[in-house]
Amino acid sequence: MGRLHPQLVRFANALATSGAAVLVPEVPEWRRLRVSPRVTAPTIRGCLDALRDRSEARPGKIGLVGFSFGAPQVAIAASREDLAEHVAGIVLFGGYCSLESTVTCQLTGHHEWMGERHQLSPDPYGRWVVASNHLTDVPGYEDATDVAMALHHLAAAASDQRISAWMPHHDAMIEGLRSSLPKCRRPLFDCFATPTHAPRPAVEGCDDLARRLAAACRRVEPLLEPQHALADVAVPTRLIHGRGDRLIPFTEGYRMMARLPHGMGHDLTVTSLFAHSADESCGSLPTLVRENVALFGAIRGLINTV
């Protein structure tokens, strides 16, 4: 739904009540579920030009806010000297640091940080989008256009209908698309899309496919891998991530924080109060109070940044 997504509109309106001038750009490629990182810098430059032309917007540096896939793209943009000079700080919601670890989690549910392993039931939306864009770039799957198109169809339906990809609502479409594929293609399709009542393929095969898919993404679109650019982010950065996030695991927030340079006033808040799609609640009342206090501090920091 692009910049007209109701949650994004509510966020922009809420931020504007602080006195900030809020500009939400439309990125046609992203709206079409094409993970094209090359449009990020030109889009930000266009925003800068648009703000300069608005009499009600105060001149000076801006704050950049990135959500999900847009979060690492904002970080990469902030590492560019030609853009960093115009940026006061950045805020990253639910971003990823390592492409390989994120794609691995999307296919297997496994993620880790500092030797501690975690398991979740991944939201399939992420793997649908990634594979629909780059499955045919994986050596050996160059002719798997039919699978990539089927996955794009699934992702587009989930987006258009605003029904989470992990809901049983999509089971009939998954089964229909699977039956339309040649039998030799169905095991590959199963790695990315299975009905909610069906078992997932073996973790070992999905783990290997995730590594190969991430490598293909990096080769074709190097800007999809943000972790090497984070050391050059020389503006204050605030990271906010959902602890129960099933699309991009919270460990990516810690991984991103560790890559940022020290001494720049960076901050990370991991909370159970929101996520792309969550698999846990806040629990007890004392926990909920602590979570609200932490999130309030993060939102205050966000407003101060922009």
Protein backbone atom coordinates (compact mmCIF):
# COMPACT_ATOMS: atom_id res chain seq x y z
CA MET A 1 0.00 0.00 0.00
CA GLY A 2 3.05 2.23 -0.08
CA ARG A 3 2.93 5.53 1.77
CA LEU A 4 -0.85 5.27 2.19
CA HIS A 5 -0.60 2.24 4.48
CA PRO A 6 -2.86 3.09 7.46
CA GLN A 7 -0.20 2.27 10.06
CA LEU A 8 2.34 4.47 8.28
CA VAL A 9 -0.20 7.29 8.00
CA ARG A 10 -0.95 7.06 11.74
CA PHE A 11 2.76 7.10 12.55
CA ALA A 12 3.37 10.14 10.34
CA ASN A 13 0.42 12.01 11.85
CA ALA A 14 1.54 11.19 15.39
CA LEU A 15 5.07 12.36 14.68
CA ALA A 16 3.76 15.55 13.10
CA THR A 17 1.95 16.45 16.35
CA SER A 18 5.40 16.95 17.90
CA GLY A 19 5.95 19.87 15.54
CA ALA A 20 8.08 17.94 13.07
CA ALA A 21 7.54 18.32 9.35
CA VAL A 22 7.01 14.73 8.15
CA LEU A 23 7.53 13.68 4.54
CA VAL A 24 6.75 10.09 3.48
CA PRO A 25 8.04 9.31 -0.03
CA GLU A 26 6.48 6.82 -2.41
CA VAL A 27 8.93 4.20 -3.67
CA PRO A 28 7.19 2.49 -6.61
CA GLU A 29 9.66 -0.40 -6.78
CA TRP A 30 9.13 -1.29 -3.12
CA ARG A 31 5.38 -0.95 -3.51
CA ARG A 32 5.60 -3.58 -6.26
CA LEU A 33 7.57 -5.79 -3.80
CA ARG A 34 10.79 -5.37 -5.76
CA VAL A 35 13.64 -5.17 -3.26
CA SER A 36 15.56 -2.54 -5.18
CA PRO A 37 18.06 -0.81 -2.86
CA ARG A 38 19.49 1.45 -5.56
CA VAL A 39 16.50 3.79 -5.37
CA THR A 40 17.15 4.70 -1.72
CA ALA A 41 19.72 7.47 -2.20
CA PRO A 42 17.87 9.19 -5.10
CA THR A 43 14.64 9.03 -3.07
CA ILE A 44 16.28 10.71 -0.06
CA ARG A 45 17.81 13.38 -2.29
CA GLY A 46 14.35 14.02 -3.72
CA CYS A 47 12.98 14.38 -0.20
CA LEU A 48 15.68 16.90 0.67
CA ASP A 49 14.82 18.95 -2.41
CA ALA A 50 11.10 18.79 -1.62
CA LEU A 51 11.60 19.94 1.97
CA ARG A 52 13.72 22.88 0.85
CA ASP A 53 10.82 24.03 -1.31
CA ARG A 54 8.35 23.98 1.60
CA SER A 55 8.12 27.33 3.34
CA GLU A 56 6.74 25.79 6.54
CA ALA A 57 9.73 23.44 6.92
CA ARG A 58 12.64 24.87 8.87
CA PRO A 59 16.00 24.74 7.01
CA GLY A 60 18.67 22.47 8.39
CA LYS A 61 19.43 18.82 8.88
CA ILE A 62 16.75 16.14 8.84
CA GLY A 63 16.07 12.89 10.66
CA LEU A 64 15.60 9.70 8.65
CA VAL A 65 13.26 6.94 9.81
CA GLY A 66 13.40 3.50 8.22
CA PHE A 67 11.03 0.57 8.72
CA SER A 68 11.78 -3.11 8.06
CA PHE A 69 13.61 -3.43 4.72
CA GLY A 70 13.85 0.36 4.68
CA ALA A 71 15.79 0.42 7.98
CA PRO A 72 19.11 -0.98 6.69
CA GLN A 73 18.69 1.09 3.54
CA VAL A 74 18.44 4.25 5.65
CA ALA A 75 21.59 3.19 7.54
CA ILE A 76 23.50 2.63 4.29
CA ALA A 77 22.34 6.02 2.99
CA ALA A 78 23.47 7.70 6.22
CA SER A 79 26.96 6.24 5.69
CA ARG A 80 27.32 8.13 2.39
CA GLU A 81 29.22 11.40 2.76
CA ASP A 82 27.01 13.25 0.26
CA LEU A 83 23.90 12.43 2.31
CA ALA A 84 25.31 12.29 5.86
CA GLU A 85 26.02 16.02 5.87
CA HIS A 86 22.26 16.64 5.67
CA VAL A 87 21.25 14.10 8.34
CA ALA A 88 20.97 14.87 12.07
CA GLY A 89 20.24 11.26 13.05
CA ILE A 90 18.45 8.09 12.01
CA VAL A 91 15.82 5.82 13.59
CA LEU A 92 15.59 2.19 12.50
CA PHE A 93 12.52 0.06 13.23
CA GLY A 94 12.83 -3.72 12.85
CA GLY A 95 15.81 -3.70 10.50
CA TYR A 96 18.23 -6.48 9.67
CA CYS A 97 22.03 -6.48 9.85
CA SER A 98 23.12 -9.78 8.29
CA LEU A 99 21.34 -10.86 5.14
CA GLU A 100 22.36 -14.49 5.59
CA SER A 101 21.26 -14.80 9.21
CA THR A 102 17.95 -13.09 8.41
CA VAL A 103 17.14 -15.26 5.40
CA THR A 104 18.19 -18.35 7.38
CA CYS A 105 15.73 -17.43 10.12
CA GLN A 106 12.99 -16.81 7.56
CA LEU A 107 13.42 -20.32 6.17
CA THR A 108 14.23 -22.27 9.36
CA GLY A 109 13.13 -20.18 12.36
CA HIS A 110 16.62 -20.42 13.87
CA HIS A 111 18.49 -17.31 14.98
CA GLU A 112 21.25 -16.62 17.49
CA TRP A 113 23.26 -13.94 19.23
CA MET A 114 26.47 -14.30 21.23
CA GLY A 115 26.21 -18.08 21.20
CA GLU A 116 22.62 -18.17 22.46
CA ARG A 117 20.29 -19.92 20.01
CA HIS A 118 16.63 -19.01 19.61
CA GLN A 119 13.73 -20.59 17.75
CA LEU A 120 10.59 -19.01 16.35
CA SER A 121 7.85 -19.80 13.86
CA PRO A 122 8.84 -17.48 11.00
CA ASP A 123 6.38 -15.31 9.13
CA PRO A 124 6.65 -16.67 5.56
CA TYR A 125 6.10 -13.24 3.99
CA GLY A 126 9.80 -12.37 4.10
CA ARG A 127 10.95 -15.52 2.33
CA TRP A 128 8.20 -15.10 -0.27
CA VAL A 129 9.44 -11.61 -1.12
CA VAL A 130 13.16 -12.46 -1.13
CA ALA A 131 12.72 -15.59 -3.26
CA SER A 132 10.33 -13.90 -5.68
CA ASN A 133 13.09 -11.37 -6.38
CA HIS A 134 16.24 -13.48 -6.36
CA LEU A 135 15.50 -17.23 -6.51
CA THR A 136 16.45 -17.33 -10.19
CA ASP A 137 19.82 -15.76 -9.32
CA VAL A 138 20.77 -18.85 -7.29
CA PRO A 139 23.02 -21.18 -9.30
CA GLY A 140 20.97 -24.19 -10.34
CA TYR A 141 17.65 -22.37 -10.13
CA GLU A 142 18.03 -19.98 -13.05
CA ASP A 143 14.99 -21.53 -14.75
CA ALA A 144 12.76 -21.55 -11.64
CA THR A 145 10.82 -18.53 -12.85
CA ASP A 146 7.53 -20.33 -12.27
CA VAL A 147 8.30 -20.79 -8.56
CA ALA A 148 9.46 -17.18 -8.20
CA MET A 149 6.27 -15.91 -9.86
CA ALA A 150 4.09 -18.10 -7.64
CA LEU A 151 5.80 -16.70 -4.53
CA HIS A 152 5.38 -13.14 -5.80
CA HIS A 153 1.69 -13.87 -6.27
CA LEU A 154 1.45 -15.03 -2.66
CA ALA A 155 3.31 -12.01 -1.28
CA ALA A 156 1.24 -9.59 -3.34
CA ALA A 157 -2.00 -11.21 -2.16
CA ALA A 158 -0.96 -10.97 1.50
CA SER A 159 -0.04 -7.30 1.01
CA ASP A 160 -3.15 -6.35 -0.95
CA GLN A 161 -5.51 -8.15 1.41
CA ARG A 162 -3.61 -7.03 4.52
CA ILE A 163 -3.88 -10.58 5.89
CA SER A 164 -0.74 -11.92 7.57
CA ALA A 165 1.10 -14.49 5.46
CA TRP A 166 1.08 -17.06 8.26
CA MET A 167 -2.74 -17.14 8.46
CA PRO A 168 -4.70 -20.21 7.22
CA HIS A 169 -6.53 -17.84 4.86
CA HIS A 170 -3.70 -18.36 2.33
CA ASP A 171 -3.69 -22.18 2.47
CA ALA A 172 -6.01 -22.61 -0.51
CA MET A 173 -3.89 -20.30 -2.65
CA ILE A 174 -0.69 -22.06 -1.60
CA GLU A 175 -2.15 -25.46 -2.50
CA GLY A 176 -3.48 -24.16 -5.81
CA LEU A 177 -0.18 -22.59 -6.83
CA ARG A 178 1.71 -25.73 -5.81
CA SER A 179 -0.53 -27.97 -7.91
CA SER A 180 0.02 -25.70 -10.93
CA LEU A 181 3.79 -26.28 -10.80
CA PRO A 182 5.57 -29.25 -12.40
CA LYS A 183 6.15 -32.04 -9.89
CA CYS A 184 9.91 -31.50 -10.06
CA ARG A 185 9.42 -27.91 -8.86
CA ARG A 186 7.16 -28.63 -5.90
CA PRO A 187 9.89 -29.54 -3.35
CA LEU A 188 11.55 -26.17 -4.05
CA PHE A 189 8.23 -24.35 -3.67
CA ASP A 190 7.66 -26.22 -0.39
CA CYS A 191 10.82 -24.69 1.10
CA PHE A 192 9.14 -21.29 0.88
CA ALA A 193 5.42 -21.94 1.09
CA THR A 194 3.52 -24.67 2.92
CA PRO A 195 -0.08 -24.69 4.16
CA THR A 196 -0.45 -24.12 7.89
CA HIS A 197 -1.53 -27.76 8.39
CA ALA A 198 1.45 -29.24 6.51
CA PRO A 199 4.91 -29.98 7.99
CA ARG A 200 7.84 -27.84 6.95
CA PRO A 201 10.72 -29.39 4.94
CA ALA A 202 13.87 -30.55 6.75
CA VAL A 203 15.83 -27.72 8.35
CA GLU A 204 19.12 -28.88 6.82
CA GLY A 205 17.94 -28.41 3.25
CA CYS A 206 16.34 -25.04 4.01
CA ASP A 207 19.48 -23.87 5.80
CA ASP A 208 21.65 -24.59 2.75
CA LEU A 209 19.14 -22.93 0.43
CA ALA A 210 19.07 -19.84 2.67
CA ARG A 211 22.86 -19.45 2.44
CA ARG A 212 22.80 -19.82 -1.33
CA LEU A 213 19.91 -17.37 -1.67
CA ALA A 214 21.63 -14.77 0.53
CA ALA A 215 24.84 -15.15 -1.49
CA ALA A 216 22.90 -14.59 -4.72
CA CYS A 217 21.27 -11.46 -3.26
CA ARG A 218 24.67 -10.04 -2.29
CA ARG A 219 26.12 -10.78 -5.72
CA VAL A 220 23.29 -9.19 -7.69
CA GLU A 221 22.43 -6.35 -5.27
CA PRO A 222 25.38 -5.64 -2.92
CA LEU A 223 23.36 -2.89 -1.20
CA LEU A 224 21.08 -5.56 0.24
CA GLU A 225 23.88 -6.39 2.70
CA PRO A 226 24.09 -3.50 5.20
CA GLN A 227 26.47 -4.79 7.87
CA HIS A 228 29.68 -3.56 6.23
CA ALA A 229 28.33 -0.01 5.88
CA LEU A 230 27.30 0.35 9.53
CA ALA A 231 30.81 1.21 10.72
CA ASP A 232 30.62 4.37 8.59
CA VAL A 233 27.35 5.65 10.09
CA ALA A 234 28.58 8.83 11.78
CA VAL A 235 25.23 10.18 13.03
CA PRO A 236 23.27 9.26 16.20
CA THR A 237 21.26 6.10 15.54
CA ARG A 238 18.27 4.75 17.45
CA LEU A 239 17.25 1.14 16.88
CA ILE A 240 13.85 -0.20 17.94
CA HIS A 241 13.01 -3.87 17.46
CA GLY A 242 10.20 -6.22 18.49
CA ARG A 243 11.34 -9.05 20.78
CA GLY A 244 8.74 -11.41 19.34
CA ASP A 245 9.25 -10.37 15.72
CA ARG A 246 8.65 -13.34 13.43
CA LEU A 247 9.74 -11.66 10.20
CA ILE A 248 13.12 -10.17 11.21
CA PRO A 249 14.35 -11.59 14.54
CA PHE A 250 15.25 -9.28 17.42
CA THR A 251 18.83 -10.60 17.37
CA GLU A 252 19.36 -8.55 14.21
CA GLY A 253 18.88 -5.42 16.34
CA TYR A 254 21.73 -6.51 18.63
CA ARG A 255 23.85 -7.45 15.63
CA MET A 256 23.25 -4.06 14.05
CA MET A 257 24.03 -2.22 17.28
CA ALA A 258 27.35 -4.07 17.60
CA ARG A 259 28.39 -2.97 14.10
CA LEU A 260 27.77 0.74 14.67
CA PRO A 261 30.78 2.88 15.69
CA HIS A 262 31.18 3.68 19.38
CA GLY A 263 30.84 7.15 20.86
CA MET A 264 28.03 8.38 18.61
CA GLY A 265 25.16 8.16 21.10
CA HIS A 266 23.57 5.09 19.52
CA ASP A 267 20.74 3.37 21.38
CA LEU A 268 18.82 0.08 21.08
CA THR A 269 15.36 -0.73 22.48
CA VAL A 270 14.04 -4.28 22.20
CA THR A 271 10.37 -4.42 23.17
CA SER A 272 7.44 -6.83 23.20
CA LEU A 273 4.96 -4.04 22.46
CA PHE A 274 5.17 -4.26 18.67
CA ALA A 275 6.68 -6.25 15.82
CA HIS A 276 6.14 -7.07 12.15
CA SER A 277 4.23 -10.12 13.40
CA ALA A 278 4.63 -11.24 16.99
CA ASP A 279 4.68 -14.66 18.64
CA GLU A 280 4.61 -13.59 22.29
CA SER A 281 2.83 -11.19 24.62
CA CYS A 282 4.24 -8.93 27.33
CA GLY A 283 3.18 -11.29 30.12
CA SER A 284 2.71 -9.92 33.64
CA LEU A 285 1.63 -6.40 34.58
CA PRO A 286 5.09 -5.43 35.97
CA THR A 287 6.64 -6.55 32.68
CA LEU A 288 4.10 -4.53 30.73
CA VAL A 289 4.89 -1.44 32.81
CA ARG A 290 8.63 -1.85 32.20
CA GLU A 291 8.02 -2.34 28.49
CA ASN A 292 5.91 0.83 28.32
CA VAL A 293 8.55 2.86 30.14
CA ALA A 294 11.28 1.59 27.80
CA LEU A 295 9.20 2.25 24.69
CA PHE A 296 8.28 5.73 25.93
CA GLY A 297 11.98 6.50 26.24
CA ALA A 298 12.59 5.19 22.73
CA ILE A 299 9.78 7.31 21.28
CA ARG A 300 11.07 10.38 23.10
CA GLY A 301 14.48 9.69 21.62
CA LEU A 302 12.91 9.31 18.18
CA ILE A 303 11.23 12.71 18.43
CA ASN A 304 14.43 14.34 19.63
CA THR A 305 16.30 12.77 16.70
CA VAL A 306 13.98 14.05 13.99
